[in-house]
C-alpha atoms as a PDB file:
ATOM      1  CA  MET A   1      58.446  21.851  60.148  1.00  0.00           C
ATOM      2  CA  SER A   2      58.076  25.572  61.195  1.00  0.00           C
ATOM      3  CA  GLN A   3      56.556  27.857  58.699  1.00  0.00           C
ATOM      4  CA  ILE A   4      57.975  31.382  59.373  1.00  0.00           C
ATOM      5  CA  VAL A   5      56.216  34.611  58.365  1.00  0.00           C
ATOM      6  CA  PRO A   6      58.906  37.144  57.251  1.00  0.00           C
ATOM      7  CA  LEU A   7      58.718  40.324  59.346  1.00  0.00           C
ATOM      8  CA  ILE A   8      61.503  42.347  58.085  1.00  0.00           C
ATOM      9  CA  SER A   9      59.783  45.195  56.219  1.00  0.00           C
ATOM     10  CA  SER A  10      60.625  46.038  52.623  1.00  0.00           C
ATOM     11  CA  GLY A  11      61.201  49.570  53.976  1.00  0.00           C
ATOM     12  CA  ILE A  12      64.256  48.425  55.880  1.00  0.00           C
ATOM     13  CA  ALA A  13      67.791  48.637  54.525  1.00  0.00           C
ATOM     14  CA  GLY A  14      70.967  47.397  55.892  1.00  0.00           C
ATOM     15  CA  PRO A  15      74.390  49.180  55.987  1.00  0.00           C
ATOM     16  CA  LEU A  16      74.649  49.340  52.072  1.00  0.00           C
ATOM     17  CA  GLY A  17      71.386  51.322  52.057  1.00  0.00           C
ATOM     18  CA  VAL A  18      69.479  48.936  49.834  1.00  0.00           C
ATOM     19  CA  LEU A  19      65.760  48.851  50.781  1.00  0.00           C
ATOM     20  CA  HIS A  20      64.282  45.392  50.748  1.00  0.00           C
ATOM     21  CA  LEU A  21      67.593  43.576  50.626  1.00  0.00           C
ATOM     22  CA  PRO A  22      67.245  42.495  54.236  1.00  0.00           C
ATOM     23  CA  ARG A  23      63.744  41.079  53.576  1.00  0.00           C
ATOM     24  CA  LEU A  24      64.932  39.339  50.477  1.00  0.00           C
ATOM     25  CA  TRP A  25      67.722  37.778  52.392  1.00  0.00           C
ATOM     26  CA  GLN A  26      65.405  36.576  55.075  1.00  0.00           C
ATOM     27  CA  LYS A  27      62.790  35.146  52.639  1.00  0.00           C
ATOM     28  CA  ALA A  28      65.288  33.481  50.448  1.00  0.00           C
ATOM     29  CA  SER A  29      67.107  32.012  53.353  1.00  0.00           C
ATOM     30  CA  LEU A  30      63.900  30.686  54.959  1.00  0.00           C
ATOM     31  CA  ALA A  31      62.743  29.222  51.689  1.00  0.00           C
ATOM     32  CA  HIS A  32      66.084  27.348  51.211  1.00  0.00           C
ATOM     33  CA  ALA A  33      65.733  25.876  54.660  1.00  0.00           C
ATOM     34  CA  GLY A  34      62.129  24.859  54.061  1.00  0.00           C
ATOM     35  CA  LYS A  35      60.868  27.154  56.651  1.00  0.00           C
ATOM     36  CA  LEU A  36      59.146  29.963  54.795  1.00  0.00           C
ATOM     37  CA  HIS A  37      55.413  30.325  55.284  1.00  0.00           C
ATOM     38  CA  SER A  38      53.586  28.966  52.319  1.00  0.00           C
ATOM     39  CA  ASP A  39      51.988  32.397  51.443  1.00  0.00           C
ATOM     40  CA  TYR A  40      55.356  33.744  50.487  1.00  0.00           C
ATOM     41  CA  PRO A  41      57.739  33.117  47.765  1.00  0.00           C
ATOM     42  CA  GLY A  42      61.389  32.687  48.459  1.00  0.00           C
ATOM     43  CA  ILE A  43      62.202  35.033  45.715  1.00  0.00           C
ATOM     44  CA  GLY A  44      59.271  36.580  43.818  1.00  0.00           C
ATOM     45  CA  CYS A  45      58.730  38.761  40.842  1.00  0.00           C
ATOM     46  CA  GLY A  46      57.841  41.921  42.743  1.00  0.00           C
ATOM     47  CA  TYR A  47      60.230  43.751  45.043  1.00  0.00           C
ATOM     48  CA  ASP A  48      62.653  40.840  45.088  1.00  0.00           C
ATOM     49  CA  GLN A  49      63.222  40.896  41.393  1.00  0.00           C
ATOM     50  CA  MET A  50      63.258  44.786  41.446  1.00  0.00           C
ATOM     51  CA  THR A  51      65.983  44.676  43.986  1.00  0.00           C
ATOM     52  CA  LEU A  52      68.134  42.041  42.136  1.00  0.00           C
ATOM     53  CA  ASP A  53      67.652  43.807  38.862  1.00  0.00           C
ATOM     54  CA  ALA A  54      68.601  47.171  40.304  1.00  0.00           C
ATOM     55  CA  LEU A  55      71.811  45.757  41.626  1.00  0.00           C
ATOM     56  CA  GLY A  56      72.593  43.800  38.644  1.00  0.00           C
ATOM     57  CA  ILE A  57      72.498  40.475  40.331  1.00  0.00           C
ATOM     58  CA  LYS A  58      71.398  37.319  38.540  1.00  0.00           C
ATOM     59  CA  ILE A  59      68.574  35.367  40.429  1.00  0.00           C
ATOM     60  CA  GLU A  60      70.177  32.058  40.009  1.00  0.00           C
ATOM     61  CA  GLU A  61      73.546  33.245  41.328  1.00  0.00           C
ATOM     62  CA  PHE A  62      71.757  34.794  44.304  1.00  0.00           C
ATOM     63  CA  LYS A  63      70.010  31.450  45.043  1.00  0.00           C
ATOM     64  CA  THR A  64      73.269  29.553  44.786  1.00  0.00           C
ATOM     65  CA  PHE A  65      74.892  32.032  47.240  1.00  0.00           C
ATOM     66  CA  ILE A  66      71.882  31.747  49.660  1.00  0.00           C
ATOM     67  CA  ALA A  67      72.258  27.972  49.659  1.00  0.00           C
ATOM     68  CA  THR A  68      75.614  28.667  51.626  1.00  0.00           C
ATOM     69  CA  LYS A  69      73.472  29.882  54.449  1.00  0.00           C
ATOM     70  CA  PRO A  70      75.089  33.326  54.869  1.00  0.00           C
ATOM     71  CA  THR A  71      74.390  35.744  57.559  1.00  0.00           C
ATOM     72  CA  TYR A  72      72.954  39.178  56.563  1.00  0.00           C
ATOM     73  CA  VAL A  73      76.367  40.889  56.928  1.00  0.00           C
ATOM     74  CA  GLN A  74      77.885  38.067  54.611  1.00  0.00           C
ATOM     75  CA  THR A  75      75.128  38.765  52.163  1.00  0.00           C
ATOM     76  CA  GLU A  76      76.010  42.351  52.054  1.00  0.00           C
ATOM     77  CA  ALA A  77      79.688  41.606  51.578  1.00  0.00           C
ATOM     78  CA  TRP A  78      78.781  39.209  48.769  1.00  0.00           C
ATOM     79  CA  VAL A  79      76.677  41.798  47.062  1.00  0.00           C
ATOM     80  CA  LYS A  80      79.425  44.460  47.301  1.00  0.00           C
ATOM     81  CA  ALA A  81      81.840  41.929  45.673  1.00  0.00           C
ATOM     82  CA  TYR A  82      79.469  40.671  42.965  1.00  0.00           C
ATOM     83  CA  PRO A  83      81.008  41.261  39.531  1.00  0.00           C
ATOM     84  CA  GLY A  84      79.404  44.369  37.923  1.00  0.00           C
ATOM     85  CA  VAL A  85      77.134  45.251  40.888  1.00  0.00           C
ATOM     86  CA  ASN A  86      75.585  48.539  40.644  1.00  0.00           C
ATOM     87  CA  LEU A  87      75.787  50.405  44.069  1.00  0.00           C
ATOM     88  CA  THR A  88      76.001  54.032  42.914  1.00  0.00           C
ATOM     89  CA  LYS A  89      74.238  56.563  44.848  1.00  0.00           C
ATOM     90  CA  ALA A  90      71.996  57.235  41.967  1.00  0.00           C
ATOM     91  CA  THR A  91      71.077  53.609  41.391  1.00  0.00           C
ATOM     92  CA  LEU A  92      70.248  53.132  45.253  1.00  0.00           C
ATOM     93  CA  TYR A  93      68.342  56.204  45.329  1.00  0.00           C
ATOM     94  CA  LYS A  94      66.225  55.327  42.197  1.00  0.00           C
ATOM     95  CA  HIS A  95      65.632  51.737  43.531  1.00  0.00           C
ATOM     96  CA  ASN A  96      64.680  52.867  46.958  1.00  0.00           C
ATOM     97  CA  GLN A  97      62.256  55.463  45.632  1.00  0.00           C
ATOM     98  CA  ALA A  98      60.766  52.734  43.469  1.00  0.00           C
ATOM     99  CA  ILE A  99      60.242  50.425  46.472  1.00  0.00           C
ATOM    100  CA  LEU A 100      58.786  53.435  48.657  1.00  0.00           C
ATOM    101  CA  GLY A 101      56.685  54.696  45.775  1.00  0.00           C
ATOM    102  CA  TYR A 102      55.187  51.421  44.600  1.00  0.00           C
ATOM    103  CA  ILE A 103      51.281  51.428  44.880  1.00  0.00           C
ATOM    104  CA  HIS A 104      49.399  48.161  44.820  1.00  0.00           C
ATOM    105  CA  ALA A 105      46.514  47.683  42.216  1.00  0.00           C
ATOM    106  CA  ASP A 106      43.123  48.610  43.779  1.00  0.00           C
ATOM    107  CA  ASP A 107      41.998  45.060  44.121  1.00  0.00           C
ATOM    108  CA  THR A 108      45.245  44.105  46.037  1.00  0.00           C
ATOM    109  CA  ARG A 109      44.776  47.117  48.381  1.00  0.00           C
ATOM    110  CA  ALA A 110      41.151  46.278  49.039  1.00  0.00           C
ATOM    111  CA  SER A 111      41.944  42.706  49.669  1.00  0.00           C
ATOM    112  CA  ILE A 112      44.620  43.381  52.200  1.00  0.00           C
ATOM    113  CA  LEU A 113      42.543  45.964  53.969  1.00  0.00           C
ATOM    114  CA  ALA A 114      39.564  43.717  54.088  1.00  0.00           C
ATOM    115  CA  ALA A 115      41.698  40.843  55.574  1.00  0.00           C
ATOM    116  CA  VAL A 116      43.022  42.965  58.333  1.00  0.00           C
ATOM    117  CA  GLY A 117      39.735  44.642  59.111  1.00  0.00           C
ATOM    118  CA  LEU A 118      40.299  48.156  57.892  1.00  0.00           C
ATOM    119  CA  PRO A 119      38.095  50.215  55.742  1.00  0.00           C
ATOM    120  CA  ASP A 120      39.113  50.867  52.180  1.00  0.00           C
ATOM    121  CA  ASP A 121      38.219  54.618  52.488  1.00  0.00           C
ATOM    122  CA  GLY A 122      41.582  56.316  51.901  1.00  0.00           C
ATOM    123  CA  SER A 123      42.553  56.621  55.493  1.00  0.00           C
ATOM    124  CA  VAL A 124      45.434  53.992  55.174  1.00  0.00           C
ATOM    125  CA  ASN A 125      48.513  54.957  53.414  1.00  0.00           C
ATOM    126  CA  PRO A 126      48.209  53.158  50.029  1.00  0.00           C
ATOM    127  CA  GLY A 127      51.863  52.469  49.665  1.00  0.00           C
ATOM    128  CA  ALA A 128      52.618  48.805  49.078  1.00  0.00           C
ATOM    129  CA  VAL A 129      55.336  48.740  51.774  1.00  0.00           C
ATOM    130  CA  ASP A 130      52.809  49.707  54.427  1.00  0.00           C
ATOM    131  CA  LEU A 131      50.089  47.492  53.093  1.00  0.00           C
ATOM    132  CA  ASN A 132      52.513  44.551  52.907  1.00  0.00           C
ATOM    133  CA  ASN A 133      53.417  45.206  56.497  1.00  0.00           C
ATOM    134  CA  LEU A 134      49.802  45.086  57.516  1.00  0.00           C
ATOM    135  CA  ASP A 135      49.561  41.753  55.583  1.00  0.00           C
ATOM    136  CA  ASP A 136      52.560  40.230  57.276  1.00  0.00           C
ATOM    137  CA  TRP A 137      51.544  41.279  60.719  1.00  0.00           C
ATOM    138  CA  HIS A 138      47.967  39.950  60.211  1.00  0.00           C
ATOM    139  CA  THR A 139      49.333  36.674  58.792  1.00  0.00           C
ATOM    140  CA  PHE A 140      51.824  36.332  61.721  1.00  0.00           C
ATOM    141  CA  TRP A 141      48.967  36.954  64.098  1.00  0.00           C
ATOM    142  CA  ALA A 142      46.630  34.427  62.349  1.00  0.00           C
ATOM    143  CA  THR A 143      49.464  31.831  62.133  1.00  0.00           C
ATOM    144  CA  GLU A 144      51.067  32.239  65.545  1.00  0.00           C
ATOM    145  CA  LEU A 145      48.828  34.024  67.957  1.00  0.00           C
ATOM    146  CA  LYS A 146      45.179  33.480  67.023  1.00  0.00           C
END
């Protein structure tokens, strides 16, 4: 069975304006289908949990919804209709800033940079979104192109 590396960045938002939600949908959907690359959690405790918590969505209810195999647009419609969902401008701004402002621990940064062949000398943006992108692209290359 195919093991797909998710390539939607956490720095991407759909029409609702929620950063990371498209990636969360992709990863959870691939995991449900048994197609997610083994290096990735379907729903993890980092950005995935941050996003669900910010919106006020319970993880088990999200998993149950994902099991229906929704499109991304259907996912956003479900989020909008979720009882008690928090989609205020202030909540989205705070969440999006948390996603963009998250910095990995030094050892995580060093590990990612070493794996992709870049020096850990301060020349690469230390934001987790950018480092995770590098990690995803390298994993994709190693899995599919090498």
